[in-house]
Amino acid sequence: MAQRIAGVAYVKVDGTQYPLRGNFTVSPSNVERQMLAGQDGVHGYSEIPRVPFIEGDVSTVPGFSLETAEAIVDSTVTAELANGMTYTLNGATTTAAFSINTRDGLFHIRWEASPATSSEA
């Protein structure tokens, strides 16, 4: 039986859907671990907090405001993926400076917040 695991995706900020173009990435992990080795073998691991994020390319469609996107702070960002998973960042902030790709009519946007939550449809 074939299942859809990739493809169609949606991103919303405080309920407003953004014109998602591609290169969409969700990174919900709240910690990063690294194994620590000594000369005599593995001694254990280190664990540090990390900031979850949602990022992707957005089309520069008429009526879409870069200023509004740049001003996002303390918002709810939701990513709905083709596999039925939904990821949410509460208290999210736009973090990356925008560079508009005029040839393709898009710009890259990144939201960060902690912690991230997930659910399955």
PDB file of N, CA and C in Angstrom:
ATOM      1  N   MET A   1       0.837  -1.178   0.000  1.00  0.00           N
ATOM      2  CA  MET A   1       0.000   0.000   0.000  1.00  0.00           C
ATOM      3  C   MET A   1       0.884   1.244   0.000  1.00  0.00           C
ATOM      4  N   ALA A   2       0.653   2.132  -0.921  1.00  0.00           N
ATOM      5  CA  ALA A   2       1.444   3.356  -1.026  1.00  0.00           C
ATOM      6  C   ALA A   2       0.908   4.405  -0.059  1.00  0.00           C
ATOM      7  N   GLN A   3       1.833   5.130   0.547  1.00  0.00           N
ATOM      8  CA  GLN A   3       1.471   6.208   1.460  1.00  0.00           C
ATOM      9  C   GLN A   3       2.185   7.478   1.039  1.00  0.00           C
ATOM     10  N   ARG A   4       1.495   8.600   1.154  1.00  0.00           N
ATOM     11  CA  ARG A   4       2.133   9.886   0.872  1.00  0.00           C
ATOM     12  C   ARG A   4       2.987  10.266   2.076  1.00  0.00           C
ATOM     13  N   ILE A   5       4.273  10.448   1.853  1.00  0.00           N
ATOM     14  CA  ILE A   5       5.176  10.824   2.946  1.00  0.00           C
ATOM     15  C   ILE A   5       5.883  12.146   2.676  1.00  0.00           C
ATOM     16  N   ALA A   6       5.717  12.701   1.485  1.00  0.00           N
ATOM     17  CA  ALA A   6       6.373  13.958   1.141  1.00  0.00           C
ATOM     18  C   ALA A   6       5.531  14.698   0.114  1.00  0.00           C
ATOM     19  N   GLY A   7       5.803  15.983  -0.004  1.00  0.00           N
ATOM     20  CA  GLY A   7       5.111  16.778  -1.019  1.00  0.00           C
ATOM     21  C   GLY A   7       4.414  17.972  -0.423  1.00  0.00           C
ATOM     22  N   VAL A   8       3.098  17.976  -0.498  1.00  0.00           N
ATOM     23  CA  VAL A   8       2.292  19.117  -0.082  1.00  0.00           C
ATOM     24  C   VAL A   8       2.564  19.470   1.372  1.00  0.00           C
ATOM     25  N   ALA A   9       2.749  20.773   1.635  1.00  0.00           N
ATOM     26  CA  ALA A   9       2.966  21.250   2.998  1.00  0.00           C
ATOM     27  C   ALA A   9       2.373  22.641   3.137  1.00  0.00           C
ATOM     28  N   TYR A  10       2.046  22.994   4.366  1.00  0.00           N
ATOM     29  CA  TYR A  10       1.478  24.306   4.663  1.00  0.00           C
ATOM     30  C   TYR A  10       2.188  24.881   5.880  1.00  0.00           C
ATOM     31  N   VAL A  11       2.351  26.198   5.896  1.00  0.00           N
ATOM     32  CA  VAL A  11       2.877  26.875   7.074  1.00  0.00           C
ATOM     33  C   VAL A  11       1.967  28.059   7.369  1.00  0.00           C
ATOM     34  N   LYS A  12       1.623  28.192   8.657  1.00  0.00           N
ATOM     35  CA  LYS A  12       0.741  29.272   9.099  1.00  0.00           C
ATOM     36  C   LYS A  12       1.381  29.989  10.275  1.00  0.00           C
ATOM     37  N   VAL A  13       1.188  31.310  10.302  1.00  0.00           N
ATOM     38  CA  VAL A  13       1.642  32.127  11.420  1.00  0.00           C
ATOM     39  C   VAL A  13       0.410  32.786  12.016  1.00  0.00           C
ATOM     40  N   ASP A  14       0.124  32.452  13.265  1.00  0.00           N
ATOM     41  CA  ASP A  14      -1.081  32.953  13.947  1.00  0.00           C
ATOM     42  C   ASP A  14      -2.325  32.767  13.083  1.00  0.00           C
ATOM     43  N   GLY A  15      -2.391  31.618  12.386  1.00  0.00           N
ATOM     44  CA  GLY A  15      -3.556  31.271  11.585  1.00  0.00           C
ATOM     45  C   GLY A  15      -3.527  31.765  10.150  1.00  0.00           C
ATOM     46  N   THR A  16      -2.583  32.641   9.804  1.00  0.00           N
ATOM     47  CA  THR A  16      -2.480  33.154   8.441  1.00  0.00           C
ATOM     48  C   THR A  16      -1.529  32.266   7.645  1.00  0.00           C
ATOM     49  N   GLN A  17      -2.027  31.713   6.539  1.00  0.00           N
ATOM     50  CA  GLN A  17      -1.204  30.827   5.727  1.00  0.00           C
ATOM     51  C   GLN A  17      -0.232  31.638   4.874  1.00  0.00           C
ATOM     52  N   TYR A  18       1.026  31.203   4.857  1.00  0.00           N
ATOM     53  CA  TYR A  18       2.059  31.833   4.050  1.00  0.00           C
ATOM     54  C   TYR A  18       2.202  31.078   2.734  1.00  0.00           C
ATOM     55  N   PRO A  19       2.563  31.785   1.639  1.00  0.00           N
ATOM     56  CA  PRO A  19       2.696  31.142   0.327  1.00  0.00           C
ATOM     57  C   PRO A  19       3.999  30.346   0.237  1.00  0.00           C
ATOM     58  N   LEU A  20       3.995  29.172   0.815  1.00  0.00           N
ATOM     59  CA  LEU A  20       5.179  28.321   0.900  1.00  0.00           C
ATOM     60  C   LEU A  20       5.601  27.856  -0.482  1.00  0.00           C
ATOM     61  N   ARG A  21       6.867  28.054  -0.776  1.00  0.00           N
ATOM     62  CA  ARG A  21       7.383  27.743  -2.103  1.00  0.00           C
ATOM     63  C   ARG A  21       8.181  26.447  -2.117  1.00  0.00           C
ATOM     64  N   GLY A  22       9.049  26.239  -1.147  1.00  0.00           N
ATOM     65  CA  GLY A  22       9.861  25.032  -1.135  1.00  0.00           C
ATOM     66  C   GLY A  22      10.986  25.135  -0.122  1.00  0.00           C
ATOM     67  N   ASN A  23      11.911  24.170  -0.203  1.00  0.00           N
ATOM     68  CA  ASN A  23      13.036  24.091   0.738  1.00  0.00           C
ATOM     69  C   ASN A  23      12.553  24.189   2.180  1.00  0.00           C
ATOM     70  N   PHE A  24      11.468  23.499   2.474  1.00  0.00           N
ATOM     71  CA  PHE A  24      10.810  23.583   3.772  1.00  0.00           C
ATOM     72  C   PHE A  24      11.437  22.584   4.737  1.00  0.00           C
ATOM     73  N   THR A  25      11.841  23.063   5.909  1.00  0.00           N
ATOM     74  CA  THR A  25      12.494  22.219   6.903  1.00  0.00           C
ATOM     75  C   THR A  25      11.891  22.478   8.272  1.00  0.00           C
ATOM     76  N   VAL A  26      11.624  21.396   8.992  1.00  0.00           N
ATOM     77  CA  VAL A  26      11.168  21.467  10.377  1.00  0.00           C
ATOM     78  C   VAL A  26      12.205  20.751  11.225  1.00  0.00           C
ATOM     79  N   SER A  27      12.705  21.429  12.246  1.00  0.00           N
ATOM     80  CA  SER A  27      13.686  20.828  13.149  1.00  0.00           C
ATOM     81  C   SER A  27      13.167  20.989  14.577  1.00  0.00           C
ATOM     82  N   PRO A  28      12.401  19.978  15.078  1.00  0.00           N
ATOM     83  CA  PRO A  28      11.733  20.116  16.369  1.00  0.00           C
ATOM     84  C   PRO A  28      12.565  19.737  17.593  1.00  0.00           C
ATOM     85  N   SER A  29      13.778  19.271  17.399  1.00  0.00           N
ATOM     86  CA  SER A  29      14.578  18.775  18.528  1.00  0.00           C
ATOM     87  C   SER A  29      14.922  19.880  19.515  1.00  0.00           C
ATOM     88  N   ASN A  30      14.731  19.574  20.811  1.00  0.00           N
ATOM     89  CA  ASN A  30      15.014  20.527  21.877  1.00  0.00           C
ATOM     90  C   ASN A  30      16.411  20.368  22.471  1.00  0.00           C
ATOM     91  N   VAL A  31      17.079  19.253  22.162  1.00  0.00           N
ATOM     92  CA  VAL A  31      18.427  19.012  22.684  1.00  0.00           C
ATOM     93  C   VAL A  31      19.319  18.499  21.565  1.00  0.00           C
ATOM     94  N   GLU A  32      20.611  18.697  21.767  1.00  0.00           N
ATOM     95  CA  GLU A  32      21.619  18.160  20.859  1.00  0.00           C
ATOM     96  C   GLU A  32      22.618  17.370  21.692  1.00  0.00           C
ATOM     97  N   ARG A  33      22.858  16.146  21.281  1.00  0.00           N
ATOM     98  CA  ARG A  33      23.787  15.279  22.020  1.00  0.00           C
ATOM     99  C   ARG A  33      25.009  14.977  21.172  1.00  0.00           C
ATOM    100  N   GLN A  34      26.150  14.877  21.837  1.00  0.00           N
ATOM    101  CA  GLN A  34      27.397  14.531  21.161  1.00  0.00           C
ATOM    102  C   GLN A  34      28.123  13.500  22.007  1.00  0.00           C
ATOM    103  N   MET A  35      28.540  12.425  21.365  1.00  0.00           N
ATOM    104  CA  MET A  35      29.289  11.391  22.062  1.00  0.00           C
ATOM    105  C   MET A  35      30.688  11.908  22.382  1.00  0.00           C
ATOM    106  N   LEU A  36      31.200  11.533  23.566  1.00  0.00           N
ATOM    107  CA  LEU A  36      32.522  11.957  24.018  1.00  0.00           C
ATOM    108  C   LEU A  36      33.419  10.741  24.152  1.00  0.00           C
ATOM    109  N   ALA A  37      34.531  10.781  23.445  1.00  0.00           N
ATOM    110  CA  ALA A  37      35.456   9.659  23.470  1.00  0.00           C
ATOM    111  C   ALA A  37      36.795  10.091  24.053  1.00  0.00           C
ATOM    112  N   GLY A  38      37.400   9.169  24.768  1.00  0.00           N
ATOM    113  CA  GLY A  38      38.760   9.353  25.258  1.00  0.00           C
ATOM    114  C   GLY A  38      39.674   8.387  24.521  1.00  0.00           C
ATOM    115  N   GLN A  39      40.909   8.349  24.943  1.00  0.00           N
ATOM    116  CA  GLN A  39      41.853   7.456  24.276  1.00  0.00           C
ATOM    117  C   GLN A  39      41.544   5.987  24.535  1.00  0.00           C
ATOM    118  N   ASP A  40      40.770   5.721  25.587  1.00  0.00           N
ATOM    119  CA  ASP A  40      40.466   4.336  25.929  1.00  0.00           C
ATOM    120  C   ASP A  40      39.049   3.913  25.562  1.00  0.00           C
ATOM    121  N   GLY A  41      38.322   4.763  24.848  1.00  0.00           N
ATOM    122  CA  GLY A  41      36.971   4.394  24.433  1.00  0.00           C
ATOM    123  C   GLY A  41      35.969   5.514  24.681  1.00  0.00           C
ATOM    124  N   VAL A  42      34.707   5.196  24.522  1.00  0.00           N
ATOM    125  CA  VAL A  42      33.637   6.173  24.696  1.00  0.00           C
ATOM    126  C   VAL A  42      33.365   6.356  26.188  1.00  0.00           C
ATOM    127  N   HIS A  43      33.375   7.598  26.641  1.00  0.00           N
ATOM    128  CA  HIS A  43      33.161   7.912  28.051  1.00  0.00           C
ATOM    129  C   HIS A  43      31.716   8.302  28.353  1.00  0.00           C
ATOM    130  N   GLY A  44      30.988   8.719  27.364  1.00  0.00           N
ATOM    131  CA  GLY A  44      29.602   9.145  27.576  1.00  0.00           C
ATOM    132  C   GLY A  44      29.206  10.154  26.511  1.00  0.00           C
ATOM    133  N   TYR A  45      28.340  11.075  26.898  1.00  0.00           N
ATOM    134  CA  TYR A  45      27.902  12.091  25.933  1.00  0.00           C
ATOM    135  C   TYR A  45      27.642  13.409  26.642  1.00  0.00           C
ATOM    136  N   SER A  46      27.651  14.466  25.858  1.00  0.00           N
ATOM    137  CA  SER A  46      27.251  15.779  26.369  1.00  0.00           C
ATOM    138  C   SER A  46      25.882  16.100  25.795  1.00  0.00           C
ATOM    139  N   GLU A  47      25.136  16.908  26.492  1.00  0.00           N
ATOM    140  CA  GLU A  47      23.810  17.301  26.031  1.00  0.00           C
ATOM    141  C   GLU A  47      23.639  18.783  26.288  1.00  0.00           C
ATOM    142  N   ILE A  48      23.280  19.521  25.216  1.00  0.00           N
ATOM    143  CA  ILE A  48      23.042  20.949  25.362  1.00  0.00           C
ATOM    144  C   ILE A  48      21.687  21.294  24.744  1.00  0.00           C
ATOM    145  N   PRO A  49      21.030  22.321  25.268  1.00  0.00           N
ATOM    146  CA  PRO A  49      19.762  22.747  24.671  1.00  0.00           C
ATOM    147  C   PRO A  49      19.998  23.320  23.273  1.00  0.00           C
ATOM    148  N   ARG A  50      19.000  23.200  22.440  1.00  0.00           N
ATOM    149  CA  ARG A  50      19.034  23.837  21.122  1.00  0.00           C
ATOM    150  C   ARG A  50      17.656  24.422  20.840  1.00  0.00           C
ATOM    151  N   VAL A  51      17.611  25.344  19.928  1.00  0.00           N
ATOM    152  CA  VAL A  51      16.370  26.039  19.605  1.00  0.00           C
ATOM    153  C   VAL A  51      15.721  25.385  18.375  1.00  0.00           C
ATOM    154  N   PRO A  52      14.524  24.817  18.539  1.00  0.00           N
ATOM    155  CA  PRO A  52      13.801  24.259  17.388  1.00  0.00           C
ATOM    156  C   PRO A  52      13.460  25.358  16.383  1.00  0.00           C
ATOM    157  N   PHE A  53      13.306  24.966  15.101  1.00  0.00           N
ATOM    158  CA  PHE A  53      12.975  25.955  14.083  1.00  0.00           C
ATOM    159  C   PHE A  53      12.131  25.358  12.973  1.00  0.00           C
ATOM    160  N   ILE A  54      11.475  26.253  12.245  1.00  0.00           N
ATOM    161  CA  ILE A  54      10.747  25.951  11.015  1.00  0.00           C
ATOM    162  C   ILE A  54      11.236  26.984  10.011  1.00  0.00           C
ATOM    163  N   GLU A  55      11.631  26.533   8.810  1.00  0.00           N
ATOM    164  CA  GLU A  55      12.122  27.476   7.811  1.00  0.00           C
ATOM    165  C   GLU A  55      11.779  27.008   6.415  1.00  0.00           C
ATOM    166  N   GLY A  56      11.758  27.945   5.486  1.00  0.00           N
ATOM    167  CA  GLY A  56      11.500  27.600   4.103  1.00  0.00           C
ATOM    168  C   GLY A  56      11.471  28.817   3.210  1.00  0.00           C
ATOM    169  N   ASP A  57      11.259  28.568   1.923  1.00  0.00           N
ATOM    170  CA  ASP A  57      11.165  29.632   0.939  1.00  0.00           C
ATOM    171  C   ASP A  57       9.700  30.015   0.762  1.00  0.00           C
ATOM    172  N   VAL A  58       9.452  31.316   0.711  1.00  0.00           N
ATOM    173  CA  VAL A  58       8.104  31.863   0.583  1.00  0.00           C
ATOM    174  C   VAL A  58       8.043  32.727  -0.670  1.00  0.00           C
ATOM    175  N   SER A  59       6.960  32.600  -1.427  1.00  0.00           N
ATOM    176  CA  SER A  59       6.788  33.403  -2.643  1.00  0.00           C
ATOM    177  C   SER A  59       6.484  34.858  -2.297  1.00  0.00           C
ATOM    178  N   THR A  60       6.995  35.766  -3.125  1.00  0.00           N
ATOM    179  CA  THR A  60       6.741  37.198  -2.941  1.00  0.00           C
ATOM    180  C   THR A  60       5.493  37.593  -3.728  1.00  0.00           C
ATOM    181  N   VAL A  61       4.352  37.060  -3.304  1.00  0.00           N
ATOM    182  CA  VAL A  61       3.084  37.329  -3.988  1.00  0.00           C
ATOM    183  C   VAL A  61       2.573  38.719  -3.622  1.00  0.00           C
ATOM    184  N   PRO A  62       1.770  39.340  -4.519  1.00  0.00           N
ATOM    185  CA  PRO A  62       1.191  40.646  -4.205  1.00  0.00           C
ATOM    186  C   PRO A  62       0.371  40.593  -2.910  1.00  0.00           C
ATOM    187  N   GLY A  63       0.504  41.636  -2.110  1.00  0.00           N
ATOM    188  CA  GLY A  63      -0.229  41.707  -0.855  1.00  0.00           C
ATOM    189  C   GLY A  63       0.506  41.092   0.319  1.00  0.00           C
ATOM    190  N   PHE A  64       1.633  40.434   0.037  1.00  0.00           N
ATOM    191  CA  PHE A  64       2.424  39.838   1.117  1.00  0.00           C
ATOM    192  C   PHE A  64       3.467  40.845   1.566  1.00  0.00           C
ATOM    193  N   SER A  65       3.526  41.113   2.849  1.00  0.00           N
ATOM    194  CA  SER A  65       4.393  42.154   3.379  1.00  0.00           C
ATOM    195  C   SER A  65       5.641  41.582   4.052  1.00  0.00           C
ATOM    196  N   LEU A  66       6.801  41.932   3.521  1.00  0.00           N
ATOM    197  CA  LEU A  66       8.055  41.533   4.157  1.00  0.00           C
ATOM    198  C   LEU A  66       8.200  42.185   5.527  1.00  0.00           C
ATOM    199  N   GLU A  67       7.716  43.400   5.656  1.00  0.00           N
ATOM    200  CA  GLU A  67       7.798  44.103   6.935  1.00  0.00           C
ATOM    201  C   GLU A  67       6.996  43.375   8.008  1.00  0.00           C
ATOM    202  N   THR A  68       5.823  42.871   7.633  1.00  0.00           N
ATOM    203  CA  THR A  68       5.004  42.104   8.577  1.00  0.00           C
ATOM    204  C   THR A  68       5.704  40.815   8.967  1.00  0.00           C
ATOM    205  N   ALA A  69       6.285  40.126   7.982  1.00  0.00           N
ATOM    206  CA  ALA A  69       6.989  38.874   8.257  1.00  0.00           C
ATOM    207  C   ALA A  69       8.192  39.115   9.166  1.00  0.00           C
ATOM    208  N   GLU A  70       8.909  40.192   8.930  1.00  0.00           N
ATOM    209  CA  GLU A  70      10.092  40.501   9.723  1.00  0.00           C
ATOM    210  C   GLU A  70       9.734  40.878  11.161  1.00  0.00           C
ATOM    211  N   ALA A  71       8.549  41.416  11.373  1.00  0.00           N
ATOM    212  CA  ALA A  71       8.128  41.883  12.692  1.00  0.00           C
ATOM    213  C   ALA A  71       7.542  40.781  13.579  1.00  0.00           C
ATOM    214  N   ILE A  72       7.527  39.539  13.111  1.00  0.00           N
ATOM    215  CA  ILE A  72       6.916  38.454  13.875  1.00  0.00           C
ATOM    216  C   ILE A  72       7.727  38.161  15.138  1.00  0.00           C
ATOM    217  N   VAL A  73       7.075  38.326  16.272  1.00  0.00           N
ATOM    218  CA  VAL A  73       7.629  37.928  17.566  1.00  0.00           C
ATOM    219  C   VAL A  73       6.491  37.354  18.400  1.00  0.00           C
ATOM    220  N   ASP A  74       6.800  36.374  19.229  1.00  0.00           N
ATOM    221  CA  ASP A  74       5.819  35.768  20.133  1.00  0.00           C
ATOM    222  C   ASP A  74       4.565  35.299  19.398  1.00  0.00           C
ATOM    223  N   SER A  75       4.772  34.586  18.295  1.00  0.00           N
ATOM    224  CA  SER A  75       3.665  34.095  17.478  1.00  0.00           C
ATOM    225  C   SER A  75       3.624  32.575  17.490  1.00  0.00           C
ATOM    226  N   THR A  76       2.527  32.029  16.987  1.00  0.00           N
ATOM    227  CA  THR A  76       2.379  30.582  16.834  1.00  0.00           C
ATOM    228  C   THR A  76       2.595  30.238  15.370  1.00  0.00           C
ATOM    229  N   VAL A  77       3.608  29.414  15.094  1.00  0.00           N
ATOM    230  CA  VAL A  77       3.919  28.980  13.730  1.00  0.00           C
ATOM    231  C   VAL A  77       3.624  27.488  13.651  1.00  0.00           C
ATOM    232  N   THR A  78       2.813  27.105  12.673  1.00  0.00           N
ATOM    233  CA  THR A  78       2.395  25.721  12.504  1.00  0.00           C
ATOM    234  C   THR A  78       2.803  25.219  11.130  1.00  0.00           C
ATOM    235  N   ALA A  79       3.436  24.052  11.101  1.00  0.00           N
ATOM    236  CA  ALA A  79       3.816  23.394   9.850  1.00  0.00           C
ATOM    237  C   ALA A  79       3.000  22.122   9.723  1.00  0.00           C
ATOM    238  N   GLU A  80       2.249  22.006   8.632  1.00  0.00           N
ATOM    239  CA  GLU A  80       1.442  20.822   8.353  1.00  0.00           C
ATOM    240  C   GLU A  80       2.088  20.095   7.185  1.00  0.00           C
ATOM    241  N   LEU A  81       2.525  18.856   7.421  1.00  0.00           N
ATOM    242  CA  LEU A  81       3.282  18.116   6.416  1.00  0.00           C
ATOM    243  C   LEU A  81       2.432  17.065   5.705  1.00  0.00           C
ATOM    244  N   ALA A  82       2.902  16.622   4.554  1.00  0.00           N
ATOM    245  CA  ALA A  82       2.182  15.655   3.725  1.00  0.00           C
ATOM    246  C   ALA A  82       1.969  14.320   4.423  1.00  0.00           C
ATOM    247  N   ASN A  83       2.838  13.978   5.371  1.00  0.00           N
ATOM    248  CA  ASN A  83       2.727  12.689   6.063  1.00  0.00           C
ATOM    249  C   ASN A  83       1.729  12.716   7.210  1.00  0.00           C
ATOM    250  N   GLY A  84       1.016  13.847   7.389  1.00  0.00           N
ATOM    251  CA  GLY A  84       0.007  13.951   8.432  1.00  0.00           C
ATOM    252  C   GLY A  84       0.516  14.536   9.737  1.00  0.00           C
ATOM    253  N   MET A  85       1.805  14.787   9.827  1.00  0.00           N
ATOM    254  CA  MET A  85       2.364  15.364  11.046  1.00  0.00           C
ATOM    255  C   MET A  85       2.195  16.883  11.040  1.00  0.00           C
ATOM    256  N   THR A  86       1.943  17.427  12.219  1.00  0.00           N
ATOM    257  CA  THR A  86       1.854  18.872  12.416  1.00  0.00           C
ATOM    258  C   THR A  86       2.834  19.254  13.510  1.00  0.00           C
ATOM    259  N   TYR A  87       3.641  20.273  13.261  1.00  0.00           N
ATOM    260  CA  TYR A  87       4.606  20.771  14.238  1.00  0.00           C
ATOM    261  C   TYR A  87       4.268  22.211  14.558  1.00  0.00           C
ATOM    262  N   THR A  88       4.344  22.559  15.840  1.00  0.00           N
ATOM    263  CA  THR A  88       3.968  23.894  16.286  1.00  0.00           C
ATOM    264  C   THR A  88       5.078  24.507  17.118  1.00  0.00           C
ATOM    265  N   LEU A  89       5.391  25.758  16.809  1.00  0.00           N
ATOM    266  CA  LEU A  89       6.284  26.565  17.631  1.00  0.00           C
ATOM    267  C   LEU A  89       5.437  27.640  18.289  1.00  0.00           C
ATOM    268  N   ASN A  90       5.403  27.663  19.610  1.00  0.00           N
ATOM    269  CA  ASN A  90       4.688  28.703  20.347  1.00  0.00           C
ATOM    270  C   ASN A  90       5.686  29.741  20.814  1.00  0.00           C
ATOM    271  N   GLY A  91       5.320  31.019  20.727  1.00  0.00           N
ATOM    272  CA  GLY A  91       6.228  32.093  21.092  1.00  0.00           C
ATOM    273  C   GLY A  91       7.337  32.263  20.076  1.00  0.00           C
ATOM    274  N   ALA A  92       7.049  31.959  18.812  1.00  0.00           N
ATOM    275  CA  ALA A  92       8.065  31.978  17.755  1.00  0.00           C
ATOM    276  C   ALA A  92       8.406  33.396  17.309  1.00  0.00           C
ATOM    277  N   THR A  93       9.640  33.530  16.844  1.00  0.00           N
ATOM    278  CA  THR A  93      10.178  34.793  16.366  1.00  0.00           C
ATOM    279  C   THR A  93      10.862  34.580  15.027  1.00  0.00           C
ATOM    280  N   THR A  94      10.696  35.522  14.092  1.00  0.00           N
ATOM    281  CA  THR A  94      11.448  35.492  12.844  1.00  0.00           C
ATOM    282  C   THR A  94      12.891  35.838  13.176  1.00  0.00           C
ATOM    283  N   THR A  95      13.842  35.000  12.726  1.00  0.00           N
ATOM    284  CA  THR A  95      15.232  35.217  13.138  1.00  0.00           C
ATOM    285  C   THR A  95      16.184  35.584  12.016  1.00  0.00           C
ATOM    286  N   ALA A  96      15.962  35.130  10.811  1.00  0.00           N
ATOM    287  CA  ALA A  96      16.933  35.360   9.740  1.00  0.00           C
ATOM    288  C   ALA A  96      16.608  36.636   8.969  1.00  0.00           C
ATOM    289  N   ALA A  97      17.645  37.348   8.572  1.00  0.00           N
ATOM    290  CA  ALA A  97      17.460  38.514   7.711  1.00  0.00           C
ATOM    291  C   ALA A  97      17.019  38.039   6.330  1.00  0.00           C
ATOM    292  N   PHE A  98      16.184  38.807   5.676  1.00  0.00           N
ATOM    293  CA  PHE A  98      15.650  38.406   4.378  1.00  0.00           C
ATOM    294  C   PHE A  98      16.567  38.803   3.235  1.00  0.00           C
ATOM    295  N   SER A  99      16.687  37.896   2.284  1.00  0.00           N
ATOM    296  CA  SER A  99      17.303  38.161   0.993  1.00  0.00           C
ATOM    297  C   SER A  99      16.296  37.725  -0.045  1.00  0.00           C
ATOM    298  N   ILE A 100      15.867  38.650  -0.871  1.00  0.00           N
ATOM    299  CA  ILE A 100      14.863  38.344  -1.880  1.00  0.00           C
ATOM    300  C   ILE A 100      15.555  37.854  -3.145  1.00  0.00           C
ATOM    301  N   ASN A 101      15.142  36.688  -3.621  1.00  0.00           N
ATOM    302  CA  ASN A 101      15.634  36.137  -4.875  1.00  0.00           C
ATOM    303  C   ASN A 101      14.686  36.637  -5.967  1.00  0.00           C
ATOM    304  N   THR A 102      15.108  37.671  -6.693  1.00  0.00           N
ATOM    305  CA  THR A 102      14.226  38.302  -7.679  1.00  0.00           C
ATOM    306  C   THR A 102      13.990  37.435  -8.907  1.00  0.00           C
ATOM    307  N   ARG A 103      14.927  36.565  -9.225  1.00  0.00           N
ATOM    308  CA  ARG A 103      14.746  35.685 -10.386  1.00  0.00           C
ATOM    309  C   ARG A 103      13.606  34.706 -10.148  1.00  0.00           C
ATOM    310  N   ASP A 104      13.536  34.143  -8.927  1.00  0.00           N
ATOM    311  CA  ASP A 104      12.520  33.145  -8.611  1.00  0.00           C
ATOM    312  C   ASP A 104      11.325  33.717  -7.853  1.00  0.00           C
ATOM    313  N   GLY A 105      11.393  34.994  -7.443  1.00  0.00           N
ATOM    314  CA  GLY A 105      10.269  35.611  -6.744  1.00  0.00           C
ATOM    315  C   GLY A 105      10.010  34.997  -5.387  1.00  0.00           C
ATOM    316  N   LEU A 106      11.086  34.834  -4.603  1.00  0.00           N
ATOM    317  CA  LEU A 106      10.925  34.230  -3.276  1.00  0.00           C
ATOM    318  C   LEU A 106      11.962  34.769  -2.300  1.00  0.00           C
ATOM    319  N   PHE A 107      11.727  34.499  -1.039  1.00  0.00           N
ATOM    320  CA  PHE A 107      12.705  34.788  -0.004  1.00  0.00           C
ATOM    321  C   PHE A 107      12.658  33.669   1.028  1.00  0.00           C
ATOM    322  N   HIS A 108      13.730  33.538   1.777  1.00  0.00           N
ATOM    323  CA  HIS A 108      13.837  32.494   2.794  1.00  0.00           C
ATOM    324  C   HIS A 108      13.444  33.092   4.150  1.00  0.00           C
ATOM    325  N   ILE A 109      12.643  32.339   4.915  1.00  0.00           N
ATOM    326  CA  ILE A 109      12.231  32.803   6.239  1.00  0.00           C
ATOM    327  C   ILE A 109      12.479  31.687   7.255  1.00  0.00           C
ATOM    328  N   ARG A 110      12.829  32.096   8.470  1.00  0.00           N
ATOM    329  CA  ARG A 110      13.094  31.125   9.540  1.00  0.00           C
ATOM    330  C   ARG A 110      12.465  31.643  10.829  1.00  0.00           C
ATOM    331  N   TRP A 111      11.731  30.730  11.483  1.00  0.00           N
ATOM    332  CA  TRP A 111      11.158  31.028  12.793  1.00  0.00           C
ATOM    333  C   TRP A 111      11.789  30.102  13.813  1.00  0.00           C
ATOM    334  N   GLU A 112      12.062  30.631  15.004  1.00  0.00           N
ATOM    335  CA  GLU A 112      12.629  29.832  16.076  1.00  0.00           C
ATOM    336  C   GLU A 112      11.808  30.041  17.343  1.00  0.00           C
ATOM    337  N   ALA A 113      11.733  28.990  18.160  1.00  0.00           N
ATOM    338  CA  ALA A 113      11.081  29.041  19.468  1.00  0.00           C
ATOM    339  C   ALA A 113      11.386  27.758  20.204  1.00  0.00           C
ATOM    340  N   SER A 114      11.128  27.746  21.473  1.00  0.00           N
ATOM    341  CA  SER A 114      11.343  26.527  22.263  1.00  0.00           C
ATOM    342  C   SER A 114      10.250  26.427  23.316  1.00  0.00           C
ATOM    343  N   PRO A 115       9.706  25.270  23.530  1.00  0.00           N
ATOM    344  CA  PRO A 115       9.921  24.014  22.807  1.00  0.00           C
ATOM    345  C   PRO A 115       8.978  23.889  21.619  1.00  0.00           C
ATOM    346  N   ALA A 116       9.222  22.893  20.789  1.00  0.00           N
ATOM    347  CA  ALA A 116       8.353  22.564  19.671  1.00  0.00           C
ATOM    348  C   ALA A 116       7.450  21.413  20.092  1.00  0.00           C
ATOM    349  N   THR A 117       6.216  21.390  19.570  1.00  0.00           N
ATOM    350  CA  THR A 117       5.308  20.280  19.834  1.00  0.00           C
ATOM    351  C   THR A 117       4.917  19.655  18.505  1.00  0.00           C
ATOM    352  N   SER A 118       4.513  18.392  18.547  1.00  0.00           N
ATOM    353  CA  SER A 118       4.096  17.721  17.317  1.00  0.00           C
ATOM    354  C   SER A 118       2.834  16.916  17.579  1.00  0.00           C
ATOM    355  N   SER A 119       2.103  16.671  16.495  1.00  0.00           N
ATOM    356  CA  SER A 119       0.914  15.828  16.559  1.00  0.00           C
ATOM    357  C   SER A 119       0.716  15.161  15.218  1.00  0.00           C
ATOM    358  N   GLU A 120      -0.041  14.082  15.218  1.00  0.00           N
ATOM    359  CA  GLU A 120      -0.313  13.341  13.990  1.00  0.00           C
ATOM    360  C   GLU A 120      -1.784  13.451  13.681  1.00  0.00           C
ATOM    361  N   ALA A 121      -2.099  13.734  12.406  1.00  0.00           N
ATOM    362  CA  ALA A 121      -3.499  13.893  11.985  1.00  0.00           C
ATOM    363  C   ALA A 121      -4.216  12.569  11.942  1.00  0.00           C
TER     364      ALA A 121
END
